[in-house]
Amino acid sequence: MAVKPFTLITDRLLIRPTIEADFIRAFEIQNQRDVSWMLRMASYPPDLKALQTWFCEHPNEWSDGTAYRFAIELDGYVIGIVDIDEISNHCGELGYWLDQSYWGKGYATEVADVVVQFAFKKLGISLLISGHAMDNPASGRILQKIGFKPTRREWQHYLSRGGKRVQHQSYVLMETDYYQLNSEKNIDEGNDAT
């Protein structure tokens, strides 16, 4: 289901649709080895041209309803990216990554939670999946805080690690389970993005 781009707002963050110019900041963040190392589909070191091409595709993904990618801003500065992609048959995948200097401050949980609400309330998604490398337990704690349940461990190829197979933990979150845990939550929407 395609929706018109708009921003999401939390107490501390502005979460807005990405624009092409964000690729430069994304490149800086992915140049942090500890960030890219945890991303299954990112190359390390990052490829500037590939990132630019990817960011140019984001508006078309919004229009097609296949992916919704957001820049995470703190005081007007992009600190990361969050998205819902791989959308098909009322299912999607949650992904996120933040500049390492903003880890451990609750931003990832805050962002993931509001984007999950967006997926369920605005996109009509009823099932979300996500996952993390087993050597990234912090990401698992974030997912579990917002209601994701671990499903299976498997070996997956991580482009960021030169295509090596990495043990990966998968998670799932049903819309009904999310709202049983969080019945009072409501998205705070900003202005329509243009």
C-alpha atoms as a PDB file:
ATOM      1  CA  MET A   1       0.000   0.000   0.000  1.00  0.00           C
ATOM      2  CA  ALA A   2       1.603   3.266  -1.106  1.00  0.00           C
ATOM      3  CA  VAL A   3       1.235   6.280   1.177  1.00  0.00           C
ATOM      4  CA  LYS A   4       2.181   9.893   0.659  1.00  0.00           C
ATOM      5  CA  PRO A   5       5.576  10.693   2.236  1.00  0.00           C
ATOM      6  CA  PHE A   6       5.403  12.361   5.623  1.00  0.00           C
ATOM      7  CA  THR A   7       7.548  12.786   8.703  1.00  0.00           C
ATOM      8  CA  LEU A   8       7.277  10.992  12.026  1.00  0.00           C
ATOM      9  CA  ILE A   9       8.120  12.750  15.286  1.00  0.00           C
ATOM     10  CA  THR A  10       9.214  11.379  18.647  1.00  0.00           C
ATOM     11  CA  ASP A  11      10.116  13.327  21.785  1.00  0.00           C
ATOM     12  CA  ARG A  12      13.708  13.698  20.575  1.00  0.00           C
ATOM     13  CA  LEU A  13      13.818  12.879  16.888  1.00  0.00           C
ATOM     14  CA  LEU A  14      12.483  13.826  13.478  1.00  0.00           C
ATOM     15  CA  ILE A  15      12.141  10.821  11.172  1.00  0.00           C
ATOM     16  CA  ARG A  16      11.658  12.010   7.602  1.00  0.00           C
ATOM     17  CA  PRO A  17      11.731  10.434   4.151  1.00  0.00           C
ATOM     18  CA  THR A  18      15.249  10.243   2.807  1.00  0.00           C
ATOM     19  CA  ILE A  19      16.407  12.587   0.064  1.00  0.00           C
ATOM     20  CA  GLU A  20      19.222  12.041  -2.411  1.00  0.00           C
ATOM     21  CA  ALA A  21      21.605  14.345  -0.525  1.00  0.00           C
ATOM     22  CA  ASP A  22      21.429  12.020   2.502  1.00  0.00           C
ATOM     23  CA  PHE A  23      23.741   9.588   0.716  1.00  0.00           C
ATOM     24  CA  ILE A  24      26.752  11.680   1.783  1.00  0.00           C
ATOM     25  CA  ARG A  25      25.901  11.371   5.482  1.00  0.00           C
ATOM     26  CA  ALA A  26      25.032   7.681   5.000  1.00  0.00           C
ATOM     27  CA  PHE A  27      28.481   7.183   3.469  1.00  0.00           C
ATOM     28  CA  GLU A  28      30.106   8.804   6.518  1.00  0.00           C
ATOM     29  CA  ILE A  29      28.129   6.555   8.878  1.00  0.00           C
ATOM     30  CA  GLN A  30      28.818   3.385   6.909  1.00  0.00           C
ATOM     31  CA  ASN A  31      32.525   4.252   6.908  1.00  0.00           C
ATOM     32  CA  GLN A  32      32.403   3.332  10.597  1.00  0.00           C
ATOM     33  CA  ARG A  33      33.405  -0.316  10.465  1.00  0.00           C
ATOM     34  CA  ASP A  34      31.385  -1.264  13.547  1.00  0.00           C
ATOM     35  CA  VAL A  35      28.238   0.092  11.868  1.00  0.00           C
ATOM     36  CA  SER A  36      28.687  -1.496   8.432  1.00  0.00           C
ATOM     37  CA  TRP A  37      29.965  -4.777   9.878  1.00  0.00           C
ATOM     38  CA  MET A  38      26.490  -5.406  11.315  1.00  0.00           C
ATOM     39  CA  LEU A  39      24.643  -4.691   8.037  1.00  0.00           C
ATOM     40  CA  ARG A  40      23.951  -7.722   5.897  1.00  0.00           C
ATOM     41  CA  MET A  41      23.501  -5.877   2.595  1.00  0.00           C
ATOM     42  CA  ALA A  42      26.021  -3.012   2.946  1.00  0.00           C
ATOM     43  CA  SER A  43      29.512  -3.131   1.535  1.00  0.00           C
ATOM     44  CA  TYR A  44      32.490  -2.231   3.650  1.00  0.00           C
ATOM     45  CA  PRO A  45      34.133   0.043   2.915  1.00  0.00           C
ATOM     46  CA  PRO A  46      31.029   1.686   1.463  1.00  0.00           C
ATOM     47  CA  ASP A  47      30.745   2.566  -2.217  1.00  0.00           C
ATOM     48  CA  LEU A  48      29.822   6.251  -2.566  1.00  0.00           C
ATOM     49  CA  LYS A  49      28.333   5.914  -6.062  1.00  0.00           C
ATOM     50  CA  ALA A  50      26.294   2.831  -5.094  1.00  0.00           C
ATOM     51  CA  LEU A  51      24.891   4.670  -2.069  1.00  0.00           C
ATOM     52  CA  GLN A  52      23.950   7.660  -4.231  1.00  0.00           C
ATOM     53  CA  THR A  53      22.197   5.383  -6.715  1.00  0.00           C
ATOM     54  CA  TRP A  54      20.361   3.628  -3.874  1.00  0.00           C
ATOM     55  CA  PHE A  55      19.183   6.926  -2.352  1.00  0.00           C
ATOM     56  CA  CYS A  56      17.970   8.095  -5.774  1.00  0.00           C
ATOM     57  CA  GLU A  57      15.663   5.039  -5.871  1.00  0.00           C
ATOM     58  CA  HIS A  58      13.970   5.795  -2.533  1.00  0.00           C
ATOM     59  CA  PRO A  59      11.227   8.148  -3.844  1.00  0.00           C
ATOM     60  CA  ASN A  60      10.205   5.508  -6.417  1.00  0.00           C
ATOM     61  CA  GLU A  61      10.019   2.882  -3.666  1.00  0.00           C
ATOM     62  CA  TRP A  62       7.665   5.179  -1.709  1.00  0.00           C
ATOM     63  CA  SER A  63       5.510   5.655  -4.817  1.00  0.00           C
ATOM     64  CA  ASP A  64       5.461   1.923  -5.563  1.00  0.00           C
ATOM     65  CA  GLY A  65       4.775   0.977  -1.947  1.00  0.00           C
ATOM     66  CA  THR A  66       7.734  -1.432  -1.912  1.00  0.00           C
ATOM     67  CA  ALA A  67       9.903   0.318   0.705  1.00  0.00           C
ATOM     68  CA  TYR A  68       9.742   3.308   3.048  1.00  0.00           C
ATOM     69  CA  ARG A  69      13.129   4.706   4.019  1.00  0.00           C
ATOM     70  CA  PHE A  70      13.629   7.448   6.593  1.00  0.00           C
ATOM     71  CA  ALA A  71      16.524   9.617   7.702  1.00  0.00           C
ATOM     72  CA  ILE A  72      16.750   9.956  11.485  1.00  0.00           C
ATOM     73  CA  GLU A  73      17.470  13.541  12.576  1.00  0.00           C
ATOM     74  CA  LEU A  74      18.538  14.816  15.967  1.00  0.00           C
ATOM     75  CA  ASP A  75      18.562  18.610  16.160  1.00  0.00           C
ATOM     76  CA  GLY A  76      18.638  18.793  12.346  1.00  0.00           C
ATOM     77  CA  TYR A  77      21.574  16.375  11.981  1.00  0.00           C
ATOM     78  CA  VAL A  78      21.181  12.948  10.348  1.00  0.00           C
ATOM     79  CA  ILE A  79      22.274  10.263  12.792  1.00  0.00           C
ATOM     80  CA  GLY A  80      21.014   7.190  10.939  1.00  0.00           C
ATOM     81  CA  ILE A  81      18.560   5.447   8.650  1.00  0.00           C
ATOM     82  CA  VAL A  82      15.500   3.312   9.390  1.00  0.00           C
ATOM     83  CA  ASP A  83      13.260   1.553   6.909  1.00  0.00           C
ATOM     84  CA  ILE A  84      10.507  -0.889   6.174  1.00  0.00           C
ATOM     85  CA  ASP A  85      11.282  -2.780   2.986  1.00  0.00           C
ATOM     86  CA  GLU A  86      10.738  -6.118   1.259  1.00  0.00           C
ATOM     87  CA  ILE A  87       7.005  -5.329   1.433  1.00  0.00           C
ATOM     88  CA  SER A  88       4.726  -8.006   0.025  1.00  0.00           C
ATOM     89  CA  ASN A  89       1.413  -9.608   1.050  1.00  0.00           C
ATOM     90  CA  HIS A  90       1.006  -7.402   4.157  1.00  0.00           C
ATOM     91  CA  CYS A  91       4.494  -8.313   5.377  1.00  0.00           C
ATOM     92  CA  GLY A  92       7.644  -6.209   5.584  1.00  0.00           C
ATOM     93  CA  GLU A  93      11.114  -6.082   7.077  1.00  0.00           C
ATOM     94  CA  LEU A  94      12.365  -3.544   9.632  1.00  0.00           C
ATOM     95  CA  GLY A  95      15.954  -2.336   9.386  1.00  0.00           C
ATOM     96  CA  TYR A  96      17.911   0.455  11.076  1.00  0.00           C
ATOM     97  CA  TRP A  97      21.452   1.723  11.579  1.00  0.00           C
ATOM     98  CA  LEU A  98      22.851   4.658  13.509  1.00  0.00           C
ATOM     99  CA  ASP A  99      26.112   6.552  13.713  1.00  0.00           C
ATOM    100  CA  GLN A 100      28.155   4.759  16.378  1.00  0.00           C
ATOM    101  CA  SER A 101      28.471   7.888  18.530  1.00  0.00           C
ATOM    102  CA  TYR A 102      24.674   7.736  19.075  1.00  0.00           C
ATOM    103  CA  TRP A 103      24.556   4.101  20.225  1.00  0.00           C
ATOM    104  CA  GLY A 104      23.405   3.306  23.753  1.00  0.00           C
ATOM    105  CA  LYS A 105      21.185   6.382  24.136  1.00  0.00           C
ATOM    106  CA  GLY A 106      17.829   4.754  23.311  1.00  0.00           C
ATOM    107  CA  TYR A 107      17.508   6.342  19.867  1.00  0.00           C
ATOM    108  CA  ALA A 108      17.315   3.045  17.966  1.00  0.00           C
ATOM    109  CA  THR A 109      14.507   1.752  20.196  1.00  0.00           C
ATOM    110  CA  GLU A 110      12.645   5.053  19.911  1.00  0.00           C
ATOM    111  CA  VAL A 111      12.939   5.064  16.120  1.00  0.00           C
ATOM    112  CA  ALA A 112      12.186   1.381  15.597  1.00  0.00           C
ATOM    113  CA  ASP A 113       9.070   1.619  17.743  1.00  0.00           C
ATOM    114  CA  VAL A 114       7.543   4.573  15.882  1.00  0.00           C
ATOM    115  CA  VAL A 115       8.358   3.067  12.479  1.00  0.00           C
ATOM    116  CA  VAL A 116       6.716  -0.208  13.533  1.00  0.00           C
ATOM    117  CA  GLN A 117       3.601   1.811  14.411  1.00  0.00           C
ATOM    118  CA  PHE A 118       3.805   3.476  10.996  1.00  0.00           C
ATOM    119  CA  ALA A 119       4.011   0.077   9.281  1.00  0.00           C
ATOM    120  CA  PHE A 120       1.001  -1.326  11.110  1.00  0.00           C
ATOM    121  CA  LYS A 121      -1.233   1.770  11.150  1.00  0.00           C
ATOM    122  CA  LYS A 122      -0.414   3.437   7.852  1.00  0.00           C
ATOM    123  CA  LEU A 123       0.795   0.668   5.563  1.00  0.00           C
ATOM    124  CA  GLY A 124      -1.633  -2.075   6.504  1.00  0.00           C
ATOM    125  CA  ILE A 125       1.199  -4.456   7.319  1.00  0.00           C
ATOM    126  CA  SER A 126       0.235  -7.259   9.668  1.00  0.00           C
ATOM    127  CA  LEU A 127       3.598  -9.027  10.064  1.00  0.00           C
ATOM    128  CA  LEU A 128       7.118  -7.615  10.373  1.00  0.00           C
ATOM    129  CA  ILE A 129      10.394  -9.466  10.359  1.00  0.00           C
ATOM    130  CA  SER A 130      13.842  -8.309  11.361  1.00  0.00           C
ATOM    131  CA  GLY A 131      17.113  -9.777  12.496  1.00  0.00           C
ATOM    132  CA  HIS A 132      20.714  -9.261  13.496  1.00  0.00           C
ATOM    133  CA  ALA A 133      24.102 -10.897  13.427  1.00  0.00           C
ATOM    134  CA  MET A 134      24.612 -12.994  16.545  1.00  0.00           C
ATOM    135  CA  ASP A 135      27.629 -10.859  17.463  1.00  0.00           C
ATOM    136  CA  ASN A 136      25.292  -7.840  17.674  1.00  0.00           C
ATOM    137  CA  PRO A 137      23.155  -8.684  20.735  1.00  0.00           C
ATOM    138  CA  ALA A 138      22.291  -5.003  21.335  1.00  0.00           C
ATOM    139  CA  SER A 139      20.127  -5.049  18.216  1.00  0.00           C
ATOM    140  CA  GLY A 140      18.297  -8.084  19.559  1.00  0.00           C
ATOM    141  CA  ARG A 141      17.564  -6.262  22.819  1.00  0.00           C
ATOM    142  CA  ILE A 142      16.087  -3.352  20.828  1.00  0.00           C
ATOM    143  CA  LEU A 143      13.821  -5.680  18.852  1.00  0.00           C
ATOM    144  CA  GLN A 144      12.664  -7.530  21.948  1.00  0.00           C
ATOM    145  CA  LYS A 145      11.894  -4.256  23.778  1.00  0.00           C
ATOM    146  CA  ILE A 146       9.318  -3.391  21.126  1.00  0.00           C
ATOM    147  CA  GLY A 147       7.792  -6.866  21.033  1.00  0.00           C
ATOM    148  CA  PHE A 148       9.669  -8.863  18.376  1.00  0.00           C
ATOM    149  CA  LYS A 149      10.044 -12.555  19.166  1.00  0.00           C
ATOM    150  CA  PRO A 150      13.078 -14.612  18.108  1.00  0.00           C
ATOM    151  CA  THR A 151      12.262 -17.293  15.548  1.00  0.00           C
ATOM    152  CA  ARG A 152      15.315 -19.041  14.143  1.00  0.00           C
ATOM    153  CA  ARG A 153      19.069 -18.878  13.832  1.00  0.00           C
ATOM    154  CA  GLU A 154      20.628 -19.456  10.483  1.00  0.00           C
ATOM    155  CA  TRP A 155      23.759 -18.723   8.515  1.00  0.00           C
ATOM    156  CA  GLN A 156      23.459 -15.766   6.130  1.00  0.00           C
ATOM    157  CA  HIS A 157      25.936 -14.103   3.811  1.00  0.00           C
ATOM    158  CA  TYR A 158      26.969 -10.618   4.970  1.00  0.00           C
ATOM    159  CA  LEU A 159      28.186  -8.416   2.138  1.00  0.00           C
ATOM    160  CA  SER A 160      29.791  -6.142   4.744  1.00  0.00           C
ATOM    161  CA  ARG A 161      32.050  -9.006   5.792  1.00  0.00           C
ATOM    162  CA  GLY A 162      33.186  -9.867   2.316  1.00  0.00           C
ATOM    163  CA  GLY A 163      30.271 -12.232   1.718  1.00  0.00           C
ATOM    164  CA  LYS A 164      31.201 -14.472   4.638  1.00  0.00           C
ATOM    165  CA  ARG A 165      28.521 -16.549   6.287  1.00  0.00           C
ATOM    166  CA  VAL A 166      27.493 -15.151   9.662  1.00  0.00           C
ATOM    167  CA  GLN A 167      25.163 -16.665  12.218  1.00  0.00           C
ATOM    168  CA  HIS A 168      21.997 -14.560  12.069  1.00  0.00           C
ATOM    169  CA  GLN A 169      19.047 -14.395  14.493  1.00  0.00           C
ATOM    170  CA  SER A 170      15.642 -13.767  12.891  1.00  0.00           C
ATOM    171  CA  TYR A 171      12.626 -12.188  14.613  1.00  0.00           C
ATOM    172  CA  VAL A 172       8.945 -11.721  13.910  1.00  0.00           C
ATOM    173  CA  LEU A 173       6.297  -9.295  15.182  1.00  0.00           C
ATOM    174  CA  MET A 174       2.575  -9.686  14.530  1.00  0.00           C
ATOM    175  CA  GLU A 175       0.450  -6.553  14.572  1.00  0.00           C
ATOM    176  CA  THR A 176      -1.979  -8.102  17.052  1.00  0.00           C
ATOM    177  CA  ASP A 177       0.835  -9.003  19.458  1.00  0.00           C
ATOM    178  CA  TYR A 178       2.306  -5.506  19.203  1.00  0.00           C
ATOM    179  CA  TYR A 179      -0.962  -3.811  20.131  1.00  0.00           C
ATOM    180  CA  GLN A 180      -1.649  -6.200  22.980  1.00  0.00           C
ATOM    181  CA  LEU A 181       1.648  -5.050  24.491  1.00  0.00           C
ATOM    182  CA  ASN A 182       1.270  -1.383  23.544  1.00  0.00           C
ATOM    183  CA  SER A 183      -2.424  -0.549  23.436  1.00  0.00           C
ATOM    184  CA  GLU A 184      -1.918   3.149  24.248  1.00  0.00           C
ATOM    185  CA  LYS A 185       0.615   4.007  21.524  1.00  0.00           C
ATOM    186  CA  ASN A 186      -0.187   6.512  18.826  1.00  0.00           C
ATOM    187  CA  ILE A 187       1.935   7.887  15.983  1.00  0.00           C
ATOM    188  CA  ASP A 188       2.713  11.581  16.193  1.00  0.00           C
ATOM    189  CA  GLU A 189       2.774  12.647  12.577  1.00  0.00           C
ATOM    190  CA  GLY A 190       4.551  15.742  11.375  1.00  0.00           C
ATOM    191  CA  ASN A 191       3.794  17.611   8.214  1.00  0.00           C
ATOM    192  CA  ASP A 192       3.443  15.947   4.851  1.00  0.00           C
ATOM    193  CA  ALA A 193       6.857  15.678   3.267  1.00  0.00           C
ATOM    194  CA  THR A 194       7.372  17.154  -0.142  1.00  0.00           C
END
